Amino acid sequence: MPDEVSPLYVRLPRREADLLDRAAFEGKVSKRELVTSALQRYLDEAKPKPELVLGRAELRPSAAPEVLTVEQAAALLQVEPAELERLADAGELPGRRIGKAWRFPRAALLAWLGG
């Protein structure tokens, strides 16, 4: 038994109507098939997907790093990098010196700030 069909009457802007006519003629398919296919693709793309979809821009925040540099930690705490280094050198901040550079665990800095 063929799929049940419903009539659909729409008014398209002239340019899009001409494009639909041309696509149907060149593709040797009916306008009904083209519209049905486009609608199915549109509805499939409208469903939420975990991956990025062509034709759309989905912004996802990048994961915050677990270990921060002096500059990143200073930005997190909203202080100057020199002040952050002074606090770290004085042992007032949770962090480790690795060679000549300081590294700070994000979670420890946030706990320190909240404590």
N, C-alpha and C. Protein backbone atom coordinates (compact mmCIF):
# COMPACT_ATOMS: atom_id res chain seq x y z
N MET A 1 0.86 -1.18 0.00
CA MET A 1 0.00 0.00 0.00
C MET A 1 0.90 1.24 0.00
N PRO A 2 0.72 2.16 -0.94
CA PRO A 2 1.57 3.34 -1.00
C PRO A 2 1.34 4.25 0.19
N ASP A 3 2.38 5.08 0.49
CA ASP A 3 2.24 6.03 1.59
C ASP A 3 1.07 6.96 1.34
N GLU A 4 0.39 7.28 2.41
CA GLU A 4 -0.72 8.23 2.31
C GLU A 4 -0.14 9.61 2.04
N VAL A 5 -0.78 10.36 1.18
CA VAL A 5 -0.29 11.69 0.84
C VAL A 5 -1.32 12.74 1.22
N SER A 6 -0.83 13.94 1.49
CA SER A 6 -1.69 15.08 1.79
C SER A 6 -1.32 16.21 0.86
N PRO A 7 -2.31 16.94 0.38
CA PRO A 7 -1.98 18.07 -0.49
C PRO A 7 -1.29 19.18 0.32
N LEU A 8 -0.34 19.83 -0.34
CA LEU A 8 0.38 20.94 0.29
C LEU A 8 0.47 22.05 -0.73
N TYR A 9 -0.06 23.19 -0.40
CA TYR A 9 -0.03 24.32 -1.30
C TYR A 9 0.76 25.43 -0.60
N VAL A 10 1.82 25.87 -1.23
CA VAL A 10 2.64 26.95 -0.66
C VAL A 10 2.97 27.96 -1.75
N ARG A 11 3.21 29.16 -1.33
CA ARG A 11 3.68 30.21 -2.23
C ARG A 11 5.15 30.43 -1.92
N LEU A 12 5.97 30.25 -2.94
CA LEU A 12 7.41 30.42 -2.80
C LEU A 12 7.84 31.72 -3.45
N PRO A 13 8.89 32.32 -2.94
CA PRO A 13 9.46 33.46 -3.67
C PRO A 13 9.87 33.00 -5.07
N ARG A 14 9.79 33.89 -6.04
CA ARG A 14 10.04 33.55 -7.44
C ARG A 14 11.38 32.83 -7.60
N ARG A 15 12.43 33.35 -7.00
CA ARG A 15 13.76 32.76 -7.18
C ARG A 15 13.78 31.29 -6.74
N GLU A 16 13.21 31.01 -5.54
CA GLU A 16 13.20 29.64 -5.03
C GLU A 16 12.30 28.73 -5.87
N ALA A 17 11.19 29.28 -6.37
CA ALA A 17 10.31 28.48 -7.23
C ALA A 17 11.02 28.12 -8.53
N ASP A 18 11.77 29.08 -9.08
CA ASP A 18 12.54 28.80 -10.30
C ASP A 18 13.62 27.75 -10.03
N LEU A 19 14.28 27.87 -8.88
CA LEU A 19 15.31 26.88 -8.54
C LEU A 19 14.71 25.49 -8.38
N LEU A 20 13.53 25.41 -7.77
CA LEU A 20 12.86 24.12 -7.61
C LEU A 20 12.49 23.53 -8.97
N ASP A 21 11.95 24.35 -9.86
CA ASP A 21 11.62 23.89 -11.21
C ASP A 21 12.88 23.36 -11.92
N ARG A 22 13.95 24.14 -11.85
CA ARG A 22 15.20 23.76 -12.52
C ARG A 22 15.76 22.46 -11.96
N ALA A 23 15.77 22.34 -10.60
CA ALA A 23 16.29 21.12 -9.97
C ALA A 23 15.47 19.90 -10.36
N ALA A 24 14.16 20.05 -10.43
CA ALA A 24 13.29 18.93 -10.82
C ALA A 24 13.57 18.54 -12.27
N PHE A 25 13.70 19.53 -13.15
CA PHE A 25 13.94 19.25 -14.56
C PHE A 25 15.30 18.59 -14.76
N GLU A 26 16.34 19.18 -14.17
CA GLU A 26 17.70 18.65 -14.38
C GLU A 26 17.90 17.30 -13.70
N GLY A 27 17.24 17.11 -12.56
CA GLY A 27 17.39 15.85 -11.84
C GLY A 27 16.42 14.78 -12.30
N LYS A 28 15.52 15.15 -13.20
CA LYS A 28 14.51 14.23 -13.72
C LYS A 28 13.71 13.57 -12.58
N VAL A 29 13.35 14.41 -11.61
CA VAL A 29 12.50 13.96 -10.50
C VAL A 29 11.37 14.96 -10.33
N SER A 30 10.36 14.55 -9.61
CA SER A 30 9.23 15.46 -9.42
C SER A 30 9.56 16.46 -8.31
N LYS A 31 8.86 17.59 -8.38
CA LYS A 31 9.03 18.59 -7.31
C LYS A 31 8.59 18.00 -5.98
N ARG A 32 7.59 17.14 -6.02
CA ARG A 32 7.11 16.49 -4.79
C ARG A 32 8.25 15.69 -4.15
N GLU A 33 9.01 14.94 -4.96
CA GLU A 33 10.13 14.16 -4.41
C GLU A 33 11.21 15.07 -3.83
N LEU A 34 11.50 16.16 -4.53
CA LEU A 34 12.51 17.10 -4.03
C LEU A 34 12.10 17.73 -2.70
N VAL A 35 10.85 18.18 -2.63
CA VAL A 35 10.37 18.82 -1.41
C VAL A 35 10.32 17.80 -0.27
N THR A 36 9.85 16.60 -0.55
CA THR A 36 9.80 15.55 0.48
C THR A 36 11.20 15.23 1.01
N SER A 37 12.14 15.07 0.10
CA SER A 37 13.52 14.77 0.49
C SER A 37 14.12 15.91 1.32
N ALA A 38 13.90 17.15 0.87
CA ALA A 38 14.45 18.30 1.60
C ALA A 38 13.83 18.39 2.99
N LEU A 39 12.55 18.15 3.09
CA LEU A 39 11.87 18.22 4.38
C LEU A 39 12.36 17.12 5.32
N GLN A 40 12.56 15.92 4.79
CA GLN A 40 13.07 14.83 5.63
C GLN A 40 14.47 15.16 6.14
N ARG A 41 15.34 15.69 5.26
CA ARG A 41 16.70 16.07 5.69
C ARG A 41 16.63 17.16 6.73
N TYR A 42 15.78 18.14 6.52
CA TYR A 42 15.65 19.24 7.47
C TYR A 42 15.20 18.74 8.83
N LEU A 43 14.21 17.87 8.85
CA LEU A 43 13.71 17.35 10.13
C LEU A 43 14.74 16.47 10.80
N ASP A 44 15.50 15.68 10.02
CA ASP A 44 16.56 14.86 10.61
C ASP A 44 17.65 15.74 11.20
N GLU A 45 18.01 16.84 10.50
CA GLU A 45 19.05 17.73 11.00
C GLU A 45 18.58 18.52 12.20
N ALA A 46 17.26 18.72 12.35
CA ALA A 46 16.73 19.48 13.47
C ALA A 46 16.82 18.70 14.78
N LYS A 47 16.99 17.38 14.69
CA LYS A 47 17.12 16.57 15.89
C LYS A 47 18.48 16.84 16.52
N PRO A 48 18.55 16.92 17.85
CA PRO A 48 19.84 17.16 18.49
C PRO A 48 20.81 16.02 18.21
N LYS A 49 22.04 16.37 17.87
CA LYS A 49 23.08 15.38 17.61
C LYS A 49 24.32 15.75 18.41
N PRO A 50 25.06 14.77 18.85
CA PRO A 50 26.25 15.09 19.63
C PRO A 50 27.37 15.70 18.79
N GLU A 51 27.39 15.41 17.49
CA GLU A 51 28.46 15.92 16.64
C GLU A 51 28.02 17.21 15.95
N LEU A 52 28.98 17.93 15.41
CA LEU A 52 28.67 19.14 14.66
C LEU A 52 27.98 18.77 13.36
N VAL A 53 27.09 19.62 12.90
CA VAL A 53 26.32 19.38 11.69
C VAL A 53 26.70 20.44 10.67
N LEU A 54 26.95 20.01 9.43
CA LEU A 54 27.25 20.97 8.38
C LEU A 54 26.08 21.91 8.20
N GLY A 55 26.38 23.17 7.97
CA GLY A 55 25.33 24.14 7.77
C GLY A 55 24.85 24.80 9.04
N ARG A 56 25.42 24.43 10.14
CA ARG A 56 25.05 25.01 11.43
C ARG A 56 26.31 25.29 12.21
N ALA A 57 26.20 26.17 13.13
CA ALA A 57 27.31 26.43 14.04
C ALA A 57 26.83 26.11 15.45
N GLU A 58 27.39 25.09 16.02
CA GLU A 58 27.06 24.74 17.39
C GLU A 58 28.31 24.99 18.23
N LEU A 59 28.19 25.87 19.18
CA LEU A 59 29.34 26.22 20.00
C LEU A 59 29.32 25.42 21.28
N ARG A 60 30.43 24.86 21.58
CA ARG A 60 30.58 24.13 22.83
C ARG A 60 31.80 24.69 23.54
N PRO A 61 31.65 25.01 24.82
CA PRO A 61 32.83 25.53 25.53
C PRO A 61 33.87 24.43 25.64
N SER A 62 35.11 24.80 25.48
CA SER A 62 36.16 23.81 25.63
C SER A 62 36.31 23.48 27.11
N ALA A 63 36.75 22.29 27.38
CA ALA A 63 36.93 21.86 28.76
C ALA A 63 38.03 22.69 29.41
N ALA A 64 37.79 23.12 30.63
CA ALA A 64 38.78 23.90 31.35
C ALA A 64 39.96 22.99 31.71
N PRO A 65 41.18 23.48 31.55
CA PRO A 65 42.34 22.65 31.88
C PRO A 65 42.39 22.38 33.38
N GLU A 66 42.84 21.21 33.73
CA GLU A 66 42.96 20.83 35.14
C GLU A 66 44.17 21.48 35.80
N VAL A 67 45.23 21.67 35.02
CA VAL A 67 46.46 22.27 35.53
C VAL A 67 46.67 23.59 34.82
N LEU A 68 46.89 24.65 35.60
CA LEU A 68 46.97 25.99 35.05
C LEU A 68 48.37 26.57 35.12
N THR A 69 48.70 27.38 34.14
CA THR A 69 49.94 28.15 34.16
C THR A 69 49.72 29.38 35.04
N VAL A 70 50.77 30.16 35.26
CA VAL A 70 50.65 31.38 36.05
C VAL A 70 49.62 32.31 35.41
N GLU A 71 49.69 32.48 34.09
CA GLU A 71 48.77 33.38 33.41
C GLU A 71 47.32 32.90 33.51
N GLN A 72 47.11 31.60 33.35
CA GLN A 72 45.76 31.04 33.43
C GLN A 72 45.21 31.15 34.85
N ALA A 73 46.06 30.85 35.84
CA ALA A 73 45.63 30.94 37.24
C ALA A 73 45.33 32.39 37.62
N ALA A 74 46.17 33.32 37.14
CA ALA A 74 45.93 34.74 37.42
C ALA A 74 44.61 35.19 36.81
N ALA A 75 44.32 34.73 35.60
CA ALA A 75 43.04 35.08 34.96
C ALA A 75 41.87 34.49 35.74
N LEU A 76 42.02 33.26 36.21
CA LEU A 76 40.97 32.62 37.00
C LEU A 76 40.69 33.40 38.28
N LEU A 77 41.75 33.81 38.96
CA LEU A 77 41.61 34.54 40.23
C LEU A 77 41.45 36.04 40.03
N GLN A 78 41.58 36.50 38.81
CA GLN A 78 41.45 37.91 38.46
C GLN A 78 42.45 38.78 39.21
N VAL A 79 43.70 38.35 39.13
CA VAL A 79 44.81 39.12 39.71
C VAL A 79 45.92 39.19 38.66
N GLU A 80 46.87 40.06 38.88
CA GLU A 80 48.02 40.16 37.98
C GLU A 80 48.91 38.94 38.15
N PRO A 81 49.53 38.46 37.07
CA PRO A 81 50.44 37.30 37.18
C PRO A 81 51.55 37.50 38.20
N ALA A 82 52.09 38.72 38.31
CA ALA A 82 53.16 38.98 39.29
C ALA A 82 52.66 38.78 40.72
N GLU A 83 51.44 39.22 41.00
CA GLU A 83 50.85 39.03 42.33
C GLU A 83 50.63 37.55 42.62
N LEU A 84 50.19 36.82 41.63
CA LEU A 84 49.98 35.38 41.80
C LEU A 84 51.31 34.69 42.10
N GLU A 85 52.35 35.04 41.37
CA GLU A 85 53.67 34.44 41.63
C GLU A 85 54.17 34.80 43.02
N ARG A 86 53.91 36.02 43.45
CA ARG A 86 54.32 36.43 44.80
C ARG A 86 53.62 35.57 45.85
N LEU A 87 52.33 35.35 45.69
CA LEU A 87 51.58 34.51 46.62
C LEU A 87 52.07 33.06 46.58
N ALA A 88 52.37 32.57 45.39
CA ALA A 88 52.87 31.20 45.27
C ALA A 88 54.24 31.06 45.91
N ASP A 89 55.13 32.02 45.67
CA ASP A 89 56.47 31.98 46.27
C ASP A 89 56.39 32.02 47.79
N ALA A 90 55.38 32.73 48.32
CA ALA A 90 55.21 32.82 49.77
C ALA A 90 54.52 31.59 50.35
N GLY A 91 54.10 30.67 49.51
CA GLY A 91 53.44 29.45 49.97
C GLY A 91 51.98 29.65 50.33
N GLU A 92 51.39 30.74 49.88
CA GLU A 92 50.00 31.03 50.22
C GLU A 92 49.01 30.39 49.24
N LEU A 93 49.48 29.95 48.09
CA LEU A 93 48.61 29.33 47.08
C LEU A 93 48.97 27.87 46.89
N PRO A 94 47.99 27.01 46.61
CA PRO A 94 48.31 25.61 46.31
C PRO A 94 48.87 25.51 44.89
N GLY A 95 50.11 25.13 44.79
CA GLY A 95 50.74 24.99 43.49
C GLY A 95 52.10 24.33 43.63
N ARG A 96 52.70 24.02 42.51
CA ARG A 96 54.02 23.38 42.49
C ARG A 96 54.90 24.08 41.48
N ARG A 97 56.14 24.21 41.84
CA ARG A 97 57.12 24.72 40.90
C ARG A 97 57.69 23.53 40.15
N ILE A 98 57.63 23.58 38.84
CA ILE A 98 58.22 22.53 38.00
C ILE A 98 59.30 23.22 37.19
N GLY A 99 60.54 22.96 37.56
CA GLY A 99 61.64 23.70 36.96
C GLY A 99 61.53 25.15 37.40
N LYS A 100 61.44 26.05 36.44
CA LYS A 100 61.30 27.47 36.77
C LYS A 100 59.85 27.95 36.70
N ALA A 101 58.94 27.06 36.29
CA ALA A 101 57.55 27.47 36.07
C ALA A 101 56.63 26.94 37.17
N TRP A 102 55.64 27.74 37.52
CA TRP A 102 54.61 27.33 38.47
C TRP A 102 53.46 26.66 37.73
N ARG A 103 52.87 25.65 38.38
CA ARG A 103 51.65 25.02 37.89
C ARG A 103 50.68 24.92 39.06
N PHE A 104 49.40 25.15 38.75
CA PHE A 104 48.38 25.21 39.80
C PHE A 104 47.20 24.31 39.43
N PRO A 105 46.79 23.42 40.35
CA PRO A 105 45.58 22.63 40.08
C PRO A 105 44.34 23.52 40.19
N ARG A 106 43.54 23.54 39.16
CA ARG A 106 42.34 24.39 39.14
C ARG A 106 41.45 24.13 40.36
N ALA A 107 41.18 22.87 40.65
CA ALA A 107 40.29 22.53 41.76
C ALA A 107 40.84 23.03 43.08
N ALA A 108 42.15 22.92 43.27
CA ALA A 108 42.76 23.39 44.52
C ALA A 108 42.68 24.90 44.64
N LEU A 109 42.87 25.61 43.53
CA LEU A 109 42.76 27.07 43.57
C LEU A 109 41.34 27.51 43.91
N LEU A 110 40.35 26.85 43.31
CA LEU A 110 38.97 27.19 43.61
C LEU A 110 38.60 26.86 45.06
N ALA A 111 39.10 25.73 45.56
CA ALA A 111 38.86 25.39 46.97
C ALA A 111 39.54 26.42 47.88
N TRP A 112 40.77 26.82 47.54
CA TRP A 112 41.48 27.83 48.31
C TRP A 112 40.71 29.14 48.32
N LEU A 113 40.21 29.53 47.17
CA LEU A 113 39.46 30.77 47.05
C LEU A 113 38.18 30.73 47.88
N GLY A 114 37.54 29.57 47.89
CA GLY A 114 36.28 29.43 48.64
C GLY A 114 36.47 29.21 50.12
N GLY A 115 37.73 28.93 50.55
CA GLY A 115 37.99 28.60 51.95
C GLY A 115 38.30 29.72 52.85
